[in-house]
Amino acid sequence: MTYLYEDFAIEPFEAGKGLWHARIRRADMTPVVINGVSFPSLEVGFAWSNADMAIADAKSHIDRFRKRWG
């Protein structure tokens, strides 16, 4: 399931049993640009024990780096 936060879509996914991560994309599907390099999505976080924690971590990344992601 995808969750919208600000102008971003967050998709939690399980990479192994009980190892949750999150993928961040722009909601309008335009790439995220970091230092001039274009990324269709970013996978962030540690191996969280549940999807909600992975989503919260993704939100903190968005809040922290929003201005850098041109």
C-alpha atoms as a PDB file:
ATOM      1  CA  MET A   1       0.000   0.000   0.000  1.00  0.00           C
ATOM      2  CA  THR A   2       1.201   3.507  -0.789  1.00  0.00           C
ATOM      3  CA  TYR A   3       0.837   6.433   1.634  1.00  0.00           C
ATOM      4  CA  LEU A   4       0.882  10.071   0.544  1.00  0.00           C
ATOM      5  CA  TYR A   5       2.904  12.563   2.569  1.00  0.00           C
ATOM      6  CA  GLU A   6       3.337  16.111   1.340  1.00  0.00           C
ATOM      7  CA  ASP A   7       4.275  15.748  -2.364  1.00  0.00           C
ATOM      8  CA  PHE A   8       5.686  12.248  -1.902  1.00  0.00           C
ATOM      9  CA  ALA A   9       4.401   8.678  -2.029  1.00  0.00           C
ATOM     10  CA  ILE A  10       5.763   6.262   0.569  1.00  0.00           C
ATOM     11  CA  GLU A  11       5.615   2.539  -0.074  1.00  0.00           C
ATOM     12  CA  PRO A  12       6.580   0.274   2.831  1.00  0.00           C
ATOM     13  CA  PHE A  13       7.900  -3.144   1.850  1.00  0.00           C
ATOM     14  CA  GLU A  14       9.152  -6.187   3.660  1.00  0.00           C
ATOM     15  CA  ALA A  15      12.674  -7.320   2.692  1.00  0.00           C
ATOM     16  CA  GLY A  16      12.784 -10.533   4.676  1.00  0.00           C
ATOM     17  CA  LYS A  17      10.505 -11.647   7.464  1.00  0.00           C
ATOM     18  CA  GLY A  18       9.852  -8.698   9.779  1.00  0.00           C
ATOM     19  CA  LEU A  19      12.416  -6.439   8.066  1.00  0.00           C
ATOM     20  CA  TRP A  20      10.513  -3.370   6.885  1.00  0.00           C
ATOM     21  CA  HIS A  21      11.899  -0.598   4.686  1.00  0.00           C
ATOM     22  CA  ALA A  22      10.290   2.234   2.716  1.00  0.00           C
ATOM     23  CA  ARG A  23      10.507   3.477  -0.840  1.00  0.00           C
ATOM     24  CA  ILE A  24       9.987   7.206  -1.468  1.00  0.00           C
ATOM     25  CA  ARG A  25       8.809   8.629  -4.790  1.00  0.00           C
ATOM     26  CA  ARG A  26       7.378  11.934  -5.834  1.00  0.00           C
ATOM     27  CA  ALA A  27       3.598  11.677  -5.993  1.00  0.00           C
ATOM     28  CA  ASP A  28       3.622  13.129  -9.530  1.00  0.00           C
ATOM     29  CA  MET A  29       6.182  10.463 -10.567  1.00  0.00           C
ATOM     30  CA  THR A  30       8.871  13.011 -11.495  1.00  0.00           C
ATOM     31  CA  PRO A  31      12.343  11.930 -10.368  1.00  0.00           C
ATOM     32  CA  VAL A  32      13.984  12.985  -7.126  1.00  0.00           C
ATOM     33  CA  VAL A  33      17.145  14.922  -7.964  1.00  0.00           C
ATOM     34  CA  ILE A  34      20.076  14.837  -5.546  1.00  0.00           C
ATOM     35  CA  ASN A  35      23.192  16.828  -6.463  1.00  0.00           C
ATOM     36  CA  GLY A  36      22.131  16.772 -10.100  1.00  0.00           C
ATOM     37  CA  VAL A  37      21.573  13.001 -10.172  1.00  0.00           C
ATOM     38  CA  SER A  38      18.053  11.822 -10.978  1.00  0.00           C
ATOM     39  CA  PHE A  39      16.460   8.920  -9.079  1.00  0.00           C
ATOM     40  CA  PRO A  40      13.019   7.455  -9.857  1.00  0.00           C
ATOM     41  CA  SER A  41      12.720   6.440  -6.182  1.00  0.00           C
ATOM     42  CA  LEU A  42      14.748   6.201  -2.991  1.00  0.00           C
ATOM     43  CA  GLU A  43      14.819   3.288  -0.589  1.00  0.00           C
ATOM     44  CA  VAL A  44      15.450   4.432   2.955  1.00  0.00           C
ATOM     45  CA  GLY A  45      15.591   3.191   6.471  1.00  0.00           C
ATOM     46  CA  PHE A  46      16.824   0.398   8.581  1.00  0.00           C
ATOM     47  CA  ALA A  47      15.190  -2.970   8.992  1.00  0.00           C
ATOM     48  CA  TRP A  48      12.235  -1.795  11.056  1.00  0.00           C
ATOM     49  CA  SER A  49      10.049  -4.345  12.838  1.00  0.00           C
ATOM     50  CA  ASN A  50       6.827  -3.065  11.266  1.00  0.00           C
ATOM     51  CA  ALA A  51       5.538  -1.003   8.341  1.00  0.00           C
ATOM     52  CA  ASP A  52       4.435   1.940  10.512  1.00  0.00           C
ATOM     53  CA  MET A  53       7.971   2.478  11.764  1.00  0.00           C
ATOM     54  CA  ALA A  54       9.331   2.344   8.204  1.00  0.00           C
ATOM     55  CA  ILE A  55       6.750   4.950   7.138  1.00  0.00           C
ATOM     56  CA  ALA A  56       7.633   7.225  10.070  1.00  0.00           C
ATOM     57  CA  ASP A  57      11.318   6.946   9.147  1.00  0.00           C
ATOM     58  CA  ALA A  58      10.554   7.824   5.516  1.00  0.00           C
ATOM     59  CA  LYS A  59       8.582  10.880   6.662  1.00  0.00           C
ATOM     60  CA  SER A  60      11.559  12.043   8.728  1.00  0.00           C
ATOM     61  CA  HIS A  61      13.810  11.681   5.662  1.00  0.00           C
ATOM     62  CA  ILE A  62      11.373  13.729   3.601  1.00  0.00           C
ATOM     63  CA  ASP A  63      11.202  16.441   6.262  1.00  0.00           C
ATOM     64  CA  ARG A  64      14.976  16.560   6.618  1.00  0.00           C
ATOM     65  CA  PHE A  65      15.954  16.525   2.942  1.00  0.00           C
ATOM     66  CA  ARG A  66      12.986  18.110   1.123  1.00  0.00           C
ATOM     67  CA  LYS A  67      14.904  21.266   0.151  1.00  0.00           C
ATOM     68  CA  ARG A  68      17.873  19.289  -1.193  1.00  0.00           C
ATOM     69  CA  TRP A  69      15.700  17.095  -3.395  1.00  0.00           C
ATOM     70  CA  GLY A  70      15.319  19.508  -6.308  1.00  0.00           C
END
